[in-house]
Amino acid sequence: MRDEWSVSCRDLAGRKRDLTVFVSSDKVVLVAPPGEAAVLGPLDVGRLRAALRDAVVTVAQAGGEYD
C-alpha cells in the first residue's frame, strides 16, 4: 500500500501545481504548493477526498490515533 498521494491543482495565476498527502508516523500530512493557494475543480476535490481517506486508513491500520 502506498503512503503518499498527489492531487493536481492550480495556483491563483492558473499554473499547474500539486497538493501532496502523506503519512508521517501516525499523522496525515497535507502539503500545499509553497506560498500559494491551491485552486481545485470539482473532480480534483474528489481526488483530494479520496487521498485523505486512503491516508487515514493507512494511519488507522498502523495503529495511529487521531487528535
Protein backbone atom coordinates (compact mmCIF):
# COMPACT_ATOMS: atom_id res chain seq x y z
CA MET A 1 0.00 0.00 0.00
CA ARG A 2 1.36 3.42 -0.88
CA ASP A 3 1.53 6.13 1.74
CA GLU A 4 1.87 9.23 -0.47
CA TRP A 5 -0.72 10.69 -2.85
CA SER A 6 -0.58 13.63 -5.24
CA VAL A 7 -3.58 15.72 -6.30
CA SER A 8 -3.36 18.14 -9.22
CA CYS A 9 -4.44 21.72 -8.68
CA ARG A 10 -3.68 25.21 -9.98
CA ASP A 11 -2.43 28.29 -8.19
CA LEU A 12 -4.24 31.63 -8.34
CA ALA A 13 -2.28 32.52 -11.51
CA GLY A 14 -3.53 29.33 -13.20
CA ARG A 15 -0.21 27.46 -13.13
CA LYS A 16 -0.29 23.71 -12.61
CA ARG A 17 0.66 22.66 -9.07
CA ASP A 18 0.19 19.63 -6.83
CA LEU A 19 -1.12 19.02 -3.34
CA THR A 20 0.61 16.14 -1.60
CA VAL A 21 -0.94 13.96 1.06
CA PHE A 22 1.29 11.59 3.00
CA VAL A 23 1.50 9.66 6.23
CA SER A 24 4.18 10.51 8.80
CA SER A 25 4.17 8.20 11.80
CA ASP A 26 0.57 8.31 12.98
CA LYS A 27 -0.44 11.59 11.29
CA VAL A 28 -1.84 12.59 7.89
CA VAL A 29 0.13 15.48 6.34
CA LEU A 30 -1.20 17.79 3.61
CA VAL A 31 1.45 19.79 1.73
CA ALA A 32 0.23 22.68 -0.40
CA PRO A 33 2.27 24.47 -3.06
CA PRO A 34 4.79 26.68 -1.21
CA GLY A 35 3.46 30.20 -0.70
CA GLU A 36 0.45 29.53 -2.92
CA ALA A 37 -3.26 28.93 -2.66
CA ALA A 38 -4.49 25.70 -4.23
CA VAL A 39 -7.44 26.06 -6.61
CA LEU A 40 -9.34 22.78 -7.07
CA GLY A 41 -12.04 21.88 -9.53
CA PRO A 42 -14.85 19.51 -8.54
CA LEU A 43 -13.03 16.41 -9.82
CA ASP A 44 -9.83 17.39 -8.01
CA VAL A 45 -11.76 17.88 -4.77
CA GLY A 46 -12.98 14.30 -5.15
CA ARG A 47 -9.40 13.14 -5.65
CA LEU A 48 -8.26 15.05 -2.57
CA ARG A 49 -11.07 13.48 -0.55
CA ALA A 50 -10.03 10.01 -1.74
CA ALA A 51 -6.36 10.67 -0.96
CA LEU A 52 -7.21 11.89 2.54
CA ARG A 53 -9.48 8.86 3.12
CA ASP A 54 -6.72 6.47 1.99
CA ALA A 55 -4.17 8.21 4.22
CA VAL A 56 -6.47 7.94 7.25
CA VAL A 57 -6.99 4.23 6.54
CA THR A 58 -3.20 3.78 6.36
CA VAL A 59 -2.76 5.51 9.73
CA ALA A 60 -5.58 3.50 11.30
CA GLN A 61 -4.08 0.22 10.08
CA ALA A 62 -0.75 1.24 11.61
CA GLY A 63 -2.48 1.76 14.95
CA GLY A 64 -2.31 5.56 14.95
CA GLU A 65 -4.63 7.74 16.98
CA TYR A 66 -6.34 10.95 15.97
CA ASP A 67 -6.28 14.20 17.92
